[in-house]
Amino acid sequence: MKDLYYLANPYNGTDLQKQDRFEKCCQVTSYFIKNGVHFFSPVVHNHAMLEIVKGWTLEEYQTLIFPYDSTYLGKAKAMILL
């Protein structure tokens, strides 16, 4: 199995800042995947899901999403900071 890398970056801010950060993460994630690097970006995964599926509470996010993302981080060879 190939090594997995985890992309970490700031996300919170205004709606415009969140969208900009999401788009940058998509570009970086796409670049790595196209170059054969297994890559996970919680912003790419979570932003899209939370935009489409409304109604997540802060408690649900903290108890369900944080551990989910942490699993990927625990399996990653390294974290890349954007």
C-alpha atoms as a PDB file:
ATOM      1  CA  MET A   1       0.000   0.000   0.000  1.00  0.00           C
ATOM      2  CA  LYS A   2       1.229   3.487  -0.829  1.00  0.00           C
ATOM      3  CA  ASP A   3       1.960   6.016   1.872  1.00  0.00           C
ATOM      4  CA  LEU A   4      -0.846   8.375   2.802  1.00  0.00           C
ATOM      5  CA  TYR A   5      -0.305  12.082   3.386  1.00  0.00           C
ATOM      6  CA  TYR A   6      -2.606  14.423   5.301  1.00  0.00           C
ATOM      7  CA  LEU A   7      -3.180  18.038   4.251  1.00  0.00           C
ATOM      8  CA  ALA A   8      -3.745  20.452   7.145  1.00  0.00           C
ATOM      9  CA  ASN A   9      -4.650  24.092   6.722  1.00  0.00           C
ATOM     10  CA  PRO A  10      -6.713  26.897   8.239  1.00  0.00           C
ATOM     11  CA  TYR A  11     -10.386  26.774   7.338  1.00  0.00           C
ATOM     12  CA  ASN A  12     -12.487  28.959   9.632  1.00  0.00           C
ATOM     13  CA  GLY A  13     -13.240  32.539   8.676  1.00  0.00           C
ATOM     14  CA  THR A  14     -15.816  34.352   6.610  1.00  0.00           C
ATOM     15  CA  ASP A  15     -17.812  32.409   4.029  1.00  0.00           C
ATOM     16  CA  LEU A  16     -15.574  33.905   1.323  1.00  0.00           C
ATOM     17  CA  GLN A  17     -12.403  32.837   3.187  1.00  0.00           C
ATOM     18  CA  LYS A  18     -13.767  29.320   3.702  1.00  0.00           C
ATOM     19  CA  GLN A  19     -14.591  28.995   0.010  1.00  0.00           C
ATOM     20  CA  ASP A  20     -11.146  30.290  -1.005  1.00  0.00           C
ATOM     21  CA  ARG A  21      -9.393  27.884   1.365  1.00  0.00           C
ATOM     22  CA  PHE A  22     -11.548  25.003   0.150  1.00  0.00           C
ATOM     23  CA  GLU A  23     -10.678  25.743  -3.484  1.00  0.00           C
ATOM     24  CA  LYS A  24      -6.945  25.955  -2.704  1.00  0.00           C
ATOM     25  CA  CYS A  25      -7.122  22.616  -0.894  1.00  0.00           C
ATOM     26  CA  CYS A  26      -8.893  21.073  -3.892  1.00  0.00           C
ATOM     27  CA  GLN A  27      -6.118  22.295  -6.190  1.00  0.00           C
ATOM     28  CA  VAL A  28      -3.343  20.943  -3.949  1.00  0.00           C
ATOM     29  CA  THR A  29      -5.119  17.640  -3.344  1.00  0.00           C
ATOM     30  CA  SER A  30      -5.767  17.219  -7.058  1.00  0.00           C
ATOM     31  CA  TYR A  31      -2.114  17.912  -7.872  1.00  0.00           C
ATOM     32  CA  PHE A  32      -0.866  15.239  -5.490  1.00  0.00           C
ATOM     33  CA  ILE A  33      -3.438  12.634  -6.536  1.00  0.00           C
ATOM     34  CA  LYS A  34      -2.642  13.240 -10.232  1.00  0.00           C
ATOM     35  CA  ASN A  35       1.013  12.636  -9.378  1.00  0.00           C
ATOM     36  CA  GLY A  36       0.339   9.305  -7.697  1.00  0.00           C
ATOM     37  CA  VAL A  37       0.435  10.473  -4.079  1.00  0.00           C
ATOM     38  CA  HIS A  38      -2.270   9.160  -1.767  1.00  0.00           C
ATOM     39  CA  PHE A  39      -3.614  12.222  -0.080  1.00  0.00           C
ATOM     40  CA  PHE A  40      -6.389  13.114   2.367  1.00  0.00           C
ATOM     41  CA  SER A  41      -7.643  16.638   2.949  1.00  0.00           C
ATOM     42  CA  PRO A  42     -10.320  17.009   5.617  1.00  0.00           C
ATOM     43  CA  VAL A  43     -11.269  20.403   4.174  1.00  0.00           C
ATOM     44  CA  VAL A  44     -11.878  18.905   0.716  1.00  0.00           C
ATOM     45  CA  HIS A  45     -13.879  16.035   2.197  1.00  0.00           C
ATOM     46  CA  ASN A  46     -15.775  17.847   4.933  1.00  0.00           C
ATOM     47  CA  HIS A  47     -16.495  21.215   3.291  1.00  0.00           C
ATOM     48  CA  ALA A  48     -18.345  19.652   0.379  1.00  0.00           C
ATOM     49  CA  MET A  49     -20.320  17.311   2.614  1.00  0.00           C
ATOM     50  CA  LEU A  50     -21.303  20.041   5.072  1.00  0.00           C
ATOM     51  CA  GLU A  51     -22.347  22.387   2.256  1.00  0.00           C
ATOM     52  CA  ILE A  52     -24.695  19.788   0.768  1.00  0.00           C
ATOM     53  CA  VAL A  53     -25.920  18.040   3.921  1.00  0.00           C
ATOM     54  CA  LYS A  54     -27.146  20.760   6.271  1.00  0.00           C
ATOM     55  CA  GLY A  55     -28.034  20.380   9.916  1.00  0.00           C
ATOM     56  CA  TRP A  56     -24.827  19.137  11.525  1.00  0.00           C
ATOM     57  CA  THR A  57     -24.622  20.429  15.083  1.00  0.00           C
ATOM     58  CA  LEU A  58     -21.320  21.516  16.602  1.00  0.00           C
ATOM     59  CA  GLU A  59     -21.535  18.538  18.971  1.00  0.00           C
ATOM     60  CA  GLU A  60     -22.039  16.102  16.076  1.00  0.00           C
ATOM     61  CA  TYR A  61     -19.163  17.654  14.206  1.00  0.00           C
ATOM     62  CA  GLN A  62     -16.853  17.386  17.220  1.00  0.00           C
ATOM     63  CA  THR A  63     -17.860  13.851  18.185  1.00  0.00           C
ATOM     64  CA  LEU A  64     -18.110  12.371  14.673  1.00  0.00           C
ATOM     65  CA  ILE A  65     -15.940  14.323  12.239  1.00  0.00           C
ATOM     66  CA  PHE A  66     -12.910  15.054  14.453  1.00  0.00           C
ATOM     67  CA  PRO A  67     -12.340  11.353  15.257  1.00  0.00           C
ATOM     68  CA  TYR A  68     -12.896  10.466  11.587  1.00  0.00           C
ATOM     69  CA  ASP A  69     -10.233  12.953  10.479  1.00  0.00           C
ATOM     70  CA  SER A  70      -7.920  11.840  13.285  1.00  0.00           C
ATOM     71  CA  THR A  71      -8.028   8.282  11.949  1.00  0.00           C
ATOM     72  CA  TYR A  72      -6.567   9.500   8.659  1.00  0.00           C
ATOM     73  CA  LEU A  73      -4.001  11.606  10.467  1.00  0.00           C
ATOM     74  CA  GLY A  74      -2.944   8.579  12.530  1.00  0.00           C
ATOM     75  CA  LYS A  75      -2.429   6.520   9.373  1.00  0.00           C
ATOM     76  CA  ALA A  76      -0.603   9.251   7.470  1.00  0.00           C
ATOM     77  CA  LYS A  77       3.124   9.109   6.877  1.00  0.00           C
ATOM     78  CA  ALA A  78       3.289  12.893   7.272  1.00  0.00           C
ATOM     79  CA  MET A  79       1.190  15.997   7.587  1.00  0.00           C
ATOM     80  CA  ILE A  80       1.603  18.692   4.963  1.00  0.00           C
ATOM     81  CA  LEU A  81       0.744  22.177   6.167  1.00  0.00           C
ATOM     82  CA  LEU A  82      -0.721  24.583   3.641  1.00  0.00           C
END
